[in-house]
Amino acid sequence: MRQRLAKMIIKVSGWRVVGDVPKEGVLVGAPHTSYWDFVLMLLVMWNGGVPPRVLMKKELFVGPLGWLLRACGGIAIDRGNPAGLVRNLIGQARSGAPFLLIIAAEGTRQKSDYWKSGFYRIARSAGLPIVLAFVDGPTRTAGFGPTLRASGDVVADMDQIRAFYSDKRGIRPALRTEPRLREEGPAARHG
């Protein structure tokens, strides 16, 4: 039922989905410039028949909205103390069962200087691929790009990620954050 509903909504809204929904990995959802990113990516995941797990700030999980977010795969994270949840997620990922976790690497819908590195650390610790997913408002396209493995060379890995996202603008392009991690340091190549 969800799959048919998602296909219909995507078609009627004029969006186009590209790529195949992965069954495993840490999915980077970017650019994250609007709450609509979540809704659209949820539809894309349902369209592909994959139930998502999505990290979201705990402050959203109040009242009926909390119930709805959990029903849609939302996982509340305390951004001030994420260590316990991250350990739990890494344990789930290592369990051998299919595991797909969606993280908005920007960590906010506002323009910022850096992405959050949680997606990279979880993927590397769990031995999972990093799946690059996107929403591009100007072309009304959403979907999936390449998959890569975190090599440990943060700058080289982020150079690949920057190359993929260089033409992806999000729903509100003015709020897009350039893919860059604090861990890259001052000598990082930014292109």
N, C-alpha and C. Protein backbone atom coordinates (compact mmCIF):
# COMPACT_ATOMS: atom_id res chain seq x y z
N MET A 1 0.82 -1.20 0.00
CA MET A 1 0.00 0.00 0.00
C MET A 1 0.87 1.27 0.00
N ARG A 2 1.89 1.30 0.92
CA ARG A 2 2.77 2.47 0.98
C ARG A 2 3.47 2.70 -0.35
N GLN A 3 3.91 1.61 -0.99
CA GLN A 3 4.65 1.73 -2.24
C GLN A 3 3.78 2.35 -3.33
N ARG A 4 2.55 1.90 -3.45
CA ARG A 4 1.64 2.45 -4.46
C ARG A 4 1.32 3.92 -4.17
N LEU A 5 1.07 4.22 -2.90
CA LEU A 5 0.79 5.61 -2.52
C LEU A 5 1.98 6.51 -2.84
N ALA A 6 3.18 6.05 -2.50
CA ALA A 6 4.39 6.85 -2.77
C ALA A 6 4.56 7.08 -4.27
N LYS A 7 4.41 6.04 -5.08
CA LYS A 7 4.53 6.19 -6.54
C LYS A 7 3.56 7.24 -7.06
N MET A 8 2.32 7.18 -6.58
CA MET A 8 1.30 8.11 -7.04
C MET A 8 1.64 9.56 -6.64
N ILE A 9 2.03 9.75 -5.39
CA ILE A 9 2.34 11.11 -4.92
C ILE A 9 3.53 11.68 -5.67
N ILE A 10 4.56 10.87 -5.86
CA ILE A 10 5.74 11.34 -6.59
C ILE A 10 5.37 11.74 -8.02
N LYS A 11 4.58 10.90 -8.67
CA LYS A 11 4.18 11.19 -10.05
C LYS A 11 3.33 12.46 -10.14
N VAL A 12 2.35 12.57 -9.28
CA VAL A 12 1.44 13.73 -9.31
C VAL A 12 2.18 15.03 -8.96
N SER A 13 3.18 14.94 -8.09
CA SER A 13 3.89 16.15 -7.67
C SER A 13 4.95 16.59 -8.68
N GLY A 14 5.22 15.77 -9.70
CA GLY A 14 6.15 16.15 -10.74
C GLY A 14 7.62 15.88 -10.42
N TRP A 15 7.89 15.12 -9.39
CA TRP A 15 9.26 14.76 -9.06
C TRP A 15 9.65 13.50 -9.81
N ARG A 16 10.96 13.33 -10.01
CA ARG A 16 11.50 12.16 -10.69
C ARG A 16 12.48 11.49 -9.74
N VAL A 17 12.41 10.16 -9.65
CA VAL A 17 13.30 9.39 -8.79
C VAL A 17 14.33 8.70 -9.66
N VAL A 18 15.61 8.80 -9.26
CA VAL A 18 16.69 8.14 -10.00
C VAL A 18 17.46 7.22 -9.07
N GLY A 19 18.00 6.15 -9.62
CA GLY A 19 18.79 5.20 -8.85
C GLY A 19 17.92 4.20 -8.12
N ASP A 20 18.58 3.19 -7.60
CA ASP A 20 17.89 2.14 -6.86
C ASP A 20 18.07 2.33 -5.37
N VAL A 21 17.00 2.05 -4.61
CA VAL A 21 17.07 2.14 -3.16
C VAL A 21 17.99 1.03 -2.65
N PRO A 22 19.02 1.40 -1.91
CA PRO A 22 19.91 0.37 -1.37
C PRO A 22 19.23 -0.39 -0.24
N LYS A 23 19.72 -1.56 0.04
CA LYS A 23 19.16 -2.36 1.13
C LYS A 23 20.00 -2.24 2.39
N GLU A 24 21.23 -1.70 2.26
CA GLU A 24 22.13 -1.65 3.40
C GLU A 24 23.06 -0.45 3.26
N GLY A 25 23.42 0.13 4.40
CA GLY A 25 24.39 1.20 4.41
C GLY A 25 23.97 2.35 5.29
N VAL A 26 24.81 3.36 5.31
CA VAL A 26 24.50 4.62 5.96
C VAL A 26 24.22 5.60 4.84
N LEU A 27 22.99 6.02 4.74
CA LEU A 27 22.54 6.85 3.64
C LEU A 27 22.66 8.32 4.05
N VAL A 28 23.43 9.07 3.29
CA VAL A 28 23.59 10.51 3.52
C VAL A 28 22.49 11.21 2.73
N GLY A 29 21.59 11.88 3.43
CA GLY A 29 20.53 12.64 2.78
C GLY A 29 20.94 14.11 2.72
N ALA A 30 21.17 14.61 1.52
CA ALA A 30 21.64 16.00 1.38
C ALA A 30 21.21 16.52 0.01
N PRO A 31 21.19 17.78 -0.20
CA PRO A 31 21.21 18.84 0.78
C PRO A 31 19.93 18.83 1.63
N HIS A 32 20.10 19.16 2.90
CA HIS A 32 18.97 19.19 3.83
C HIS A 32 18.61 20.65 4.08
N THR A 33 17.66 21.16 3.31
CA THR A 33 17.33 22.59 3.37
C THR A 33 15.88 22.87 3.75
N SER A 34 15.08 21.81 4.00
CA SER A 34 13.66 21.98 4.26
C SER A 34 13.13 20.74 4.96
N TYR A 35 12.04 20.88 5.72
CA TYR A 35 11.38 19.70 6.27
C TYR A 35 10.84 18.81 5.15
N TRP A 36 10.58 19.38 3.99
CA TRP A 36 10.07 18.61 2.87
C TRP A 36 11.07 17.57 2.37
N ASP A 37 12.37 17.78 2.66
CA ASP A 37 13.39 16.79 2.30
C ASP A 37 13.03 15.44 2.91
N PHE A 38 12.65 15.46 4.19
CA PHE A 38 12.29 14.22 4.89
C PHE A 38 11.09 13.56 4.23
N VAL A 39 10.06 14.36 3.96
CA VAL A 39 8.84 13.82 3.34
C VAL A 39 9.16 13.21 1.98
N LEU A 40 9.92 13.92 1.19
CA LEU A 40 10.26 13.43 -0.15
C LEU A 40 11.12 12.17 -0.07
N MET A 41 12.13 12.15 0.80
CA MET A 41 12.98 10.96 0.90
C MET A 41 12.19 9.78 1.46
N LEU A 42 11.26 10.04 2.36
CA LEU A 42 10.39 8.97 2.87
C LEU A 42 9.59 8.36 1.71
N LEU A 43 9.03 9.20 0.85
CA LEU A 43 8.29 8.71 -0.32
C LEU A 43 9.20 7.92 -1.27
N VAL A 44 10.43 8.41 -1.46
CA VAL A 44 11.39 7.71 -2.33
C VAL A 44 11.71 6.33 -1.75
N MET A 45 11.91 6.26 -0.44
CA MET A 45 12.20 4.97 0.20
C MET A 45 11.00 4.03 0.09
N TRP A 46 9.82 4.52 0.38
CA TRP A 46 8.62 3.69 0.26
C TRP A 46 8.44 3.24 -1.18
N ASN A 47 8.67 4.14 -2.13
CA ASN A 47 8.57 3.82 -3.56
C ASN A 47 9.47 2.63 -3.90
N GLY A 48 10.64 2.57 -3.27
CA GLY A 48 11.58 1.48 -3.51
C GLY A 48 11.33 0.26 -2.63
N GLY A 49 10.31 0.32 -1.78
CA GLY A 49 9.96 -0.82 -0.95
C GLY A 49 10.87 -1.03 0.26
N VAL A 50 11.59 0.00 0.68
CA VAL A 50 12.50 -0.14 1.81
C VAL A 50 12.03 0.75 2.96
N PRO A 51 11.81 0.16 4.14
CA PRO A 51 11.43 0.99 5.29
C PRO A 51 12.67 1.70 5.85
N PRO A 52 12.62 3.01 5.98
CA PRO A 52 13.80 3.75 6.43
C PRO A 52 13.93 3.79 7.96
N ARG A 53 15.14 4.01 8.40
CA ARG A 53 15.46 4.41 9.78
C ARG A 53 16.11 5.77 9.62
N VAL A 54 15.55 6.78 10.28
CA VAL A 54 16.03 8.15 10.08
C VAL A 54 16.38 8.78 11.42
N LEU A 55 17.63 9.23 11.58
CA LEU A 55 18.01 9.94 12.79
C LEU A 55 17.43 11.35 12.74
N MET A 56 16.78 11.75 13.86
CA MET A 56 16.17 13.07 13.95
C MET A 56 16.35 13.60 15.36
N LYS A 57 16.42 14.91 15.50
CA LYS A 57 16.60 15.49 16.83
C LYS A 57 15.41 15.13 17.73
N LYS A 58 15.72 14.82 18.99
CA LYS A 58 14.71 14.34 19.93
C LYS A 58 13.60 15.36 20.17
N GLU A 59 13.89 16.63 20.00
CA GLU A 59 12.90 17.68 20.26
C GLU A 59 11.67 17.56 19.36
N LEU A 60 11.79 16.86 18.24
CA LEU A 60 10.64 16.69 17.34
C LEU A 60 9.65 15.63 17.83
N PHE A 61 10.10 14.78 18.75
CA PHE A 61 9.31 13.62 19.16
C PHE A 61 8.40 13.93 20.33
N VAL A 62 7.50 14.88 20.16
CA VAL A 62 6.54 15.24 21.20
C VAL A 62 5.12 15.05 20.67
N GLY A 63 4.24 14.59 21.55
CA GLY A 63 2.83 14.43 21.20
C GLY A 63 2.60 13.56 19.98
N PRO A 64 1.55 13.86 19.24
CA PRO A 64 1.21 13.05 18.06
C PRO A 64 2.30 13.05 16.99
N LEU A 65 3.07 14.13 16.89
CA LEU A 65 4.14 14.18 15.91
C LEU A 65 5.19 13.11 16.23
N GLY A 66 5.48 12.90 17.51
CA GLY A 66 6.44 11.87 17.91
C GLY A 66 5.98 10.50 17.46
N TRP A 67 4.72 10.20 17.67
CA TRP A 67 4.17 8.91 17.24
C TRP A 67 4.29 8.76 15.73
N LEU A 68 3.92 9.80 14.99
CA LEU A 68 3.98 9.75 13.53
C LEU A 68 5.42 9.56 13.03
N LEU A 69 6.36 10.30 13.61
CA LEU A 69 7.76 10.17 13.20
C LEU A 69 8.29 8.77 13.47
N ARG A 70 7.97 8.20 14.63
CA ARG A 70 8.41 6.82 14.93
C ARG A 70 7.80 5.84 13.93
N ALA A 71 6.52 6.04 13.60
CA ALA A 71 5.85 5.15 12.64
C ALA A 71 6.48 5.24 11.25
N CYS A 72 7.09 6.38 10.96
CA CYS A 72 7.74 6.57 9.65
C CYS A 72 9.23 6.23 9.69
N GLY A 73 9.70 5.64 10.78
CA GLY A 73 11.09 5.22 10.87
C GLY A 73 12.00 6.18 11.60
N GLY A 74 11.44 7.20 12.22
CA GLY A 74 12.24 8.18 12.95
C GLY A 74 12.86 7.60 14.20
N ILE A 75 14.11 7.95 14.45
CA ILE A 75 14.84 7.55 15.65
C ILE A 75 15.30 8.83 16.33
N ALA A 76 14.86 9.05 17.57
CA ALA A 76 15.21 10.28 18.29
C ALA A 76 16.66 10.23 18.74
N ILE A 77 17.37 11.32 18.51
CA ILE A 77 18.76 11.42 18.97
C ILE A 77 18.93 12.68 19.79
N ASP A 78 19.58 12.52 20.94
CA ASP A 78 19.94 13.65 21.78
C ASP A 78 21.27 14.15 21.25
N ARG A 79 21.24 15.25 20.52
CA ARG A 79 22.46 15.75 19.87
C ARG A 79 23.52 16.19 20.87
N GLY A 80 23.12 16.42 22.12
CA GLY A 80 24.10 16.78 23.15
C GLY A 80 24.79 15.56 23.74
N ASN A 81 24.20 14.37 23.55
CA ASN A 81 24.77 13.14 24.12
C ASN A 81 24.43 11.95 23.22
N PRO A 82 25.01 11.89 22.03
CA PRO A 82 24.64 10.84 21.07
C PRO A 82 25.36 9.51 21.23
N ALA A 83 26.34 9.41 22.13
CA ALA A 83 27.23 8.24 22.19
C ALA A 83 26.48 6.93 22.38
N GLY A 84 25.54 6.86 23.31
CA GLY A 84 24.82 5.61 23.56
C GLY A 84 24.02 5.14 22.36
N LEU A 85 23.34 6.06 21.70
CA LEU A 85 22.56 5.70 20.52
C LEU A 85 23.48 5.24 19.39
N VAL A 86 24.60 5.92 19.22
CA VAL A 86 25.53 5.54 18.15
C VAL A 86 26.05 4.12 18.39
N ARG A 87 26.43 3.81 19.64
CA ARG A 87 26.88 2.43 19.97
C ARG A 87 25.79 1.41 19.65
N ASN A 88 24.56 1.74 20.01
CA ASN A 88 23.43 0.85 19.74
C ASN A 88 23.24 0.65 18.24
N LEU A 89 23.32 1.72 17.47
CA LEU A 89 23.15 1.62 16.01
C LEU A 89 24.26 0.79 15.37
N ILE A 90 25.48 0.98 15.84
CA ILE A 90 26.61 0.20 15.31
C ILE A 90 26.38 -1.29 15.63
N GLY A 91 25.88 -1.58 16.83
CA GLY A 91 25.56 -2.96 17.19
C GLY A 91 24.50 -3.55 16.28
N GLN A 92 23.45 -2.79 15.99
CA GLN A 92 22.40 -3.25 15.08
C GLN A 92 22.98 -3.50 13.69
N ALA A 93 23.83 -2.60 13.23
CA ALA A 93 24.42 -2.72 11.90
C ALA A 93 25.29 -3.97 11.79
N ARG A 94 25.95 -4.32 12.87
CA ARG A 94 26.85 -5.49 12.86
C ARG A 94 26.10 -6.80 13.10
N SER A 95 24.80 -6.75 13.33
CA SER A 95 24.03 -7.95 13.67
C SER A 95 23.86 -8.92 12.51
N GLY A 96 24.11 -8.46 11.30
CA GLY A 96 23.95 -9.32 10.12
C GLY A 96 22.61 -9.12 9.42
N ALA A 97 21.65 -8.47 10.07
CA ALA A 97 20.36 -8.17 9.44
C ALA A 97 20.52 -6.96 8.54
N PRO A 98 19.73 -6.85 7.46
CA PRO A 98 19.82 -5.66 6.60
C PRO A 98 19.66 -4.39 7.44
N PHE A 99 20.49 -3.42 7.17
CA PHE A 99 20.52 -2.20 7.96
C PHE A 99 20.72 -1.01 7.04
N LEU A 100 19.75 -0.10 7.05
CA LEU A 100 19.85 1.13 6.27
C LEU A 100 19.43 2.29 7.17
N LEU A 101 20.37 3.18 7.41
CA LEU A 101 20.15 4.32 8.29
C LEU A 101 20.31 5.60 7.49
N ILE A 102 19.32 6.48 7.59
CA ILE A 102 19.37 7.76 6.88
C ILE A 102 19.79 8.86 7.86
N ILE A 103 20.80 9.62 7.44
CA ILE A 103 21.27 10.74 8.26
C ILE A 103 21.36 11.98 7.39
N ALA A 104 20.76 13.07 7.86
CA ALA A 104 20.94 14.37 7.20
C ALA A 104 22.27 14.92 7.69
N ALA A 105 23.31 14.77 6.89
CA ALA A 105 24.67 15.09 7.32
C ALA A 105 24.85 16.55 7.70
N GLU A 106 24.03 17.42 7.16
CA GLU A 106 24.15 18.83 7.50
C GLU A 106 23.70 19.08 8.94
N GLY A 107 22.85 18.21 9.47
CA GLY A 107 22.42 18.32 10.86
C GLY A 107 21.43 19.44 11.13
N THR A 108 21.13 20.23 10.15
CA THR A 108 20.21 21.36 10.30
C THR A 108 19.70 21.75 8.92
N ARG A 109 18.59 22.47 8.90
CA ARG A 109 18.08 22.96 7.62
C ARG A 109 18.63 24.34 7.29
N GLN A 110 19.47 24.86 8.16
CA GLN A 110 20.06 26.19 7.95
C GLN A 110 21.46 26.05 7.36
N LYS A 111 21.89 27.06 6.67
CA LYS A 111 23.25 27.08 6.13
C LYS A 111 24.24 27.04 7.29
N SER A 112 25.30 26.25 7.12
CA SER A 112 26.29 26.07 8.16
C SER A 112 27.68 25.98 7.53
N ASP A 113 28.71 25.94 8.36
CA ASP A 113 30.07 25.82 7.84
C ASP A 113 30.48 24.38 7.59
N TYR A 114 29.90 23.45 8.37
CA TYR A 114 30.34 22.05 8.30
C TYR A 114 29.17 21.08 8.36
N TRP A 115 29.36 19.93 7.78
CA TRP A 115 28.47 18.79 7.98
C TRP A 115 28.85 18.12 9.30
N LYS A 116 27.92 17.37 9.88
CA LYS A 116 28.19 16.54 11.04
C LYS A 116 28.86 15.26 10.55
N SER A 117 29.82 14.74 11.29
CA SER A 117 30.60 13.59 10.83
C SER A 117 30.03 12.24 11.26
N GLY A 118 28.87 12.23 11.93
CA GLY A 118 28.30 10.97 12.42
C GLY A 118 28.12 9.92 11.34
N PHE A 119 27.68 10.32 10.16
CA PHE A 119 27.48 9.36 9.07
C PHE A 119 28.78 8.64 8.75
N TYR A 120 29.87 9.38 8.75
CA TYR A 120 31.18 8.83 8.39
C TYR A 120 31.66 7.88 9.49
N ARG A 121 31.54 8.32 10.74
CA ARG A 121 32.01 7.51 11.86
C ARG A 121 31.20 6.22 11.99
N ILE A 122 29.88 6.30 11.84
CA ILE A 122 29.03 5.10 11.95
C ILE A 122 29.36 4.14 10.81
N ALA A 123 29.45 4.64 9.59
CA ALA A 123 29.74 3.77 8.44
C ALA A 123 31.09 3.08 8.62
N ARG A 124 32.09 3.84 9.03
CA ARG A 124 33.43 3.27 9.20
C ARG A 124 33.45 2.25 10.34
N SER A 125 32.85 2.58 11.47
CA SER A 125 32.84 1.67 12.63
C SER A 125 32.07 0.39 12.36
N ALA A 126 30.97 0.49 11.60
CA ALA A 126 30.13 -0.67 11.33
C ALA A 126 30.54 -1.42 10.07
N GLY A 127 31.48 -0.86 9.31
CA GLY A 127 31.90 -1.50 8.07
C GLY A 127 30.83 -1.46 6.99
N LEU A 128 30.00 -0.42 7.03
CA LEU A 128 28.91 -0.27 6.06
C LEU A 128 29.29 0.73 4.97
N PRO A 129 28.71 0.57 3.78
CA PRO A 129 28.95 1.55 2.74
C PRO A 129 28.23 2.87 3.04
N ILE A 130 28.76 3.95 2.51
CA ILE A 130 28.11 5.26 2.57
C ILE A 130 27.36 5.41 1.25
N VAL A 131 26.06 5.60 1.35
CA VAL A 131 25.20 5.74 0.17
C VAL A 131 24.85 7.22 0.03
N LEU A 132 25.12 7.79 -1.12
CA LEU A 132 24.84 9.21 -1.34
C LEU A 132 23.45 9.37 -1.95
N ALA A 133 22.57 9.98 -1.17
CA ALA A 133 21.20 10.25 -1.63
C ALA A 133 21.02 11.75 -1.71
N PHE A 134 20.08 12.19 -2.54
CA PHE A 134 19.95 13.63 -2.74
C PHE A 134 18.52 14.04 -3.04
N VAL A 135 18.30 15.33 -2.83
CA VAL A 135 17.10 16.03 -3.23
C VAL A 135 17.57 17.27 -3.97
N ASP A 136 17.10 17.47 -5.20
CA ASP A 136 17.49 18.64 -5.98
C ASP A 136 16.23 19.36 -6.47
N GLY A 137 15.87 20.42 -5.76
CA GLY A 137 14.66 21.17 -6.09
C GLY A 137 14.62 21.74 -7.49
N PRO A 138 15.70 22.40 -7.96
CA PRO A 138 15.64 23.00 -9.30
C PRO A 138 15.32 22.01 -10.42
N THR A 139 15.77 20.75 -10.31
CA THR A 139 15.48 19.76 -11.35
C THR A 139 14.33 18.83 -10.95
N ARG A 140 13.80 19.02 -9.73
CA ARG A 140 12.72 18.17 -9.19
C ARG A 140 13.10 16.69 -9.31
N THR A 141 14.33 16.40 -8.88
CA THR A 141 14.87 15.05 -8.93
C THR A 141 15.34 14.66 -7.53
N ALA A 142 15.09 13.42 -7.16
CA ALA A 142 15.57 12.88 -5.89
C ALA A 142 15.98 11.43 -6.14
N GLY A 143 16.90 10.96 -5.33
CA GLY A 143 17.27 9.57 -5.48
C GLY A 143 18.63 9.27 -4.94
N PHE A 144 19.32 8.36 -5.63
CA PHE A 144 20.55 7.78 -5.11
C PHE A 144 21.66 7.87 -6.12
N GLY A 145 22.83 8.18 -5.61
CA GLY A 145 24.02 8.23 -6.42
C GLY A 145 24.94 7.09 -6.06
N PRO A 146 26.22 7.34 -6.09
CA PRO A 146 27.19 6.27 -5.84
C PRO A 146 27.24 5.85 -4.37
N THR A 147 27.83 4.71 -4.17
CA THR A 147 28.10 4.17 -2.84
C THR A 147 29.61 4.09 -2.69
N LEU A 148 30.11 4.47 -1.52
CA LEU A 148 31.55 4.37 -1.30
C LEU A 148 31.82 3.83 0.10
N ARG A 149 33.02 3.35 0.31
CA ARG A 149 33.46 2.87 1.61
C ARG A 149 34.36 3.93 2.23
N ALA A 150 34.17 4.20 3.51
CA ALA A 150 35.04 5.15 4.21
C ALA A 150 36.43 4.54 4.30
N SER A 151 37.39 5.18 3.68
CA SER A 151 38.75 4.64 3.61
C SER A 151 39.60 5.01 4.82
N GLY A 152 39.14 6.01 5.58
CA GLY A 152 39.95 6.54 6.67
C GLY A 152 40.69 7.81 6.25
N ASP A 153 40.81 8.04 4.95
CA ASP A 153 41.37 9.29 4.44
C ASP A 153 40.18 10.23 4.26
N VAL A 154 39.89 10.97 5.32
CA VAL A 154 38.68 11.80 5.35
C VAL A 154 38.65 12.80 4.20
N VAL A 155 39.76 13.44 3.91
CA VAL A 155 39.80 14.45 2.85
C VAL A 155 39.49 13.81 1.49
N ALA A 156 40.14 12.69 1.19
CA ALA A 156 39.90 12.02 -0.10
C ALA A 156 38.46 11.55 -0.21
N ASP A 157 37.92 10.97 0.86
CA ASP A 157 36.53 10.52 0.83
C ASP A 157 35.58 11.69 0.65
N MET A 158 35.84 12.79 1.36
CA MET A 158 34.98 13.96 1.24
C MET A 158 35.12 14.63 -0.12
N ASP A 159 36.29 14.53 -0.75
CA ASP A 159 36.43 15.06 -2.11
C ASP A 159 35.48 14.32 -3.06
N GLN A 160 35.34 13.01 -2.89
CA GLN A 160 34.40 12.24 -3.71
C GLN A 160 32.96 12.67 -3.43
N ILE A 161 32.66 12.87 -2.16
CA ILE A 161 31.31 13.28 -1.77
C ILE A 161 31.02 14.69 -2.30
N ARG A 162 31.98 15.60 -2.18
CA ARG A 162 31.79 16.96 -2.72
C ARG A 162 31.55 16.93 -4.22
N ALA A 163 32.29 16.10 -4.93
CA ALA A 163 32.11 16.01 -6.38
C ALA A 163 30.69 15.58 -6.73
N PHE A 164 30.16 14.61 -5.99
CA PHE A 164 28.79 14.16 -6.28
C PHE A 164 27.76 15.25 -5.98
N TYR A 165 27.90 15.92 -4.85
CA TYR A 165 26.90 16.91 -4.45
C TYR A 165 27.12 18.30 -5.07
N SER A 166 28.12 18.47 -5.89
CA SER A 166 28.43 19.80 -6.42
C SER A 166 27.29 20.44 -7.19
N ASP A 167 26.44 19.64 -7.82
CA ASP A 167 25.32 20.22 -8.58
C ASP A 167 23.96 19.93 -7.94
N LYS A 168 23.94 19.47 -6.71
CA LYS A 168 22.68 19.20 -5.99
C LYS A 168 22.39 20.40 -5.09
N ARG A 169 21.18 20.95 -5.17
CA ARG A 169 20.87 22.21 -4.50
C ARG A 169 19.85 22.13 -3.37
N GLY A 170 19.13 21.04 -3.23
CA GLY A 170 18.11 20.97 -2.20
C GLY A 170 16.84 21.68 -2.63
N ILE A 171 15.89 21.73 -1.74
CA ILE A 171 14.61 22.39 -2.04
C ILE A 171 14.75 23.91 -1.91
N ARG A 172 15.54 24.36 -0.95
CA ARG A 172 15.80 25.79 -0.76
C ARG A 172 17.31 26.02 -0.95
N PRO A 173 17.75 26.18 -2.20
CA PRO A 173 19.18 26.24 -2.52
C PRO A 173 20.01 27.22 -1.70
N ALA A 174 19.44 28.32 -1.28
CA ALA A 174 20.20 29.30 -0.52
C ALA A 174 20.66 28.77 0.85
N LEU A 175 20.04 27.70 1.32
CA LEU A 175 20.37 27.15 2.64
C LEU A 175 21.32 25.95 2.57
N ARG A 176 21.78 25.61 1.38
CA ARG A 176 22.66 24.45 1.19
C ARG A 176 24.02 24.69 1.87
N THR A 177 24.52 23.65 2.55
CA THR A 177 25.84 23.69 3.17
C THR A 177 26.80 22.84 2.34
N GLU A 178 27.95 23.39 2.03
CA GLU A 178 28.97 22.67 1.27
C GLU A 178 29.42 21.44 2.07
N PRO A 179 29.53 20.27 1.44
CA PRO A 179 30.00 19.06 2.15
C PRO A 179 31.44 19.23 2.64
N ARG A 180 31.58 19.42 3.94
CA ARG A 180 32.89 19.63 4.56
C ARG A 180 32.78 19.21 6.01
N LEU A 181 33.76 18.45 6.51
CA LEU A 181 33.78 18.02 7.90
C LEU A 181 34.87 18.75 8.67
N ARG A 182 34.63 19.04 9.92
CA ARG A 182 35.67 19.65 10.77
C ARG A 182 36.92 18.78 10.78
N GLU A 183 36.73 17.47 10.70
CA GLU A 183 37.84 16.51 10.78
C GLU A 183 38.80 16.63 9.59
N GLU A 184 38.40 17.33 8.56
CA GLU A 184 39.29 17.49 7.40
C GLU A 184 40.46 18.40 7.72
N GLY A 185 40.32 19.26 8.71
CA GLY A 185 41.41 20.13 9.10
C GLY A 185 41.62 21.29 8.15
N PRO A 186 42.52 22.20 8.50
CA PRO A 186 42.74 23.40 7.70
C PRO A 186 43.41 23.13 6.36
N ALA A 187 44.09 22.00 6.22
CA ALA A 187 44.79 21.71 4.96
C ALA A 187 43.89 21.01 3.95
N ALA A 188 42.61 20.84 4.28
CA ALA A 188 41.70 20.11 3.41
C ALA A 188 41.57 20.78 2.05
N ARG A 189 41.47 19.92 1.03
CA ARG A 189 41.22 20.42 -0.34
C ARG A 189 39.73 20.68 -0.47
N HIS A 190 39.36 21.87 -0.84
CA HIS A 190 37.93 22.19 -1.04
C HIS A 190 37.75 22.64 -2.47
N GLY A 191 36.98 21.84 -3.23
CA GLY A 191 36.86 22.17 -4.64
C GLY A 191 35.54 22.38 -5.11
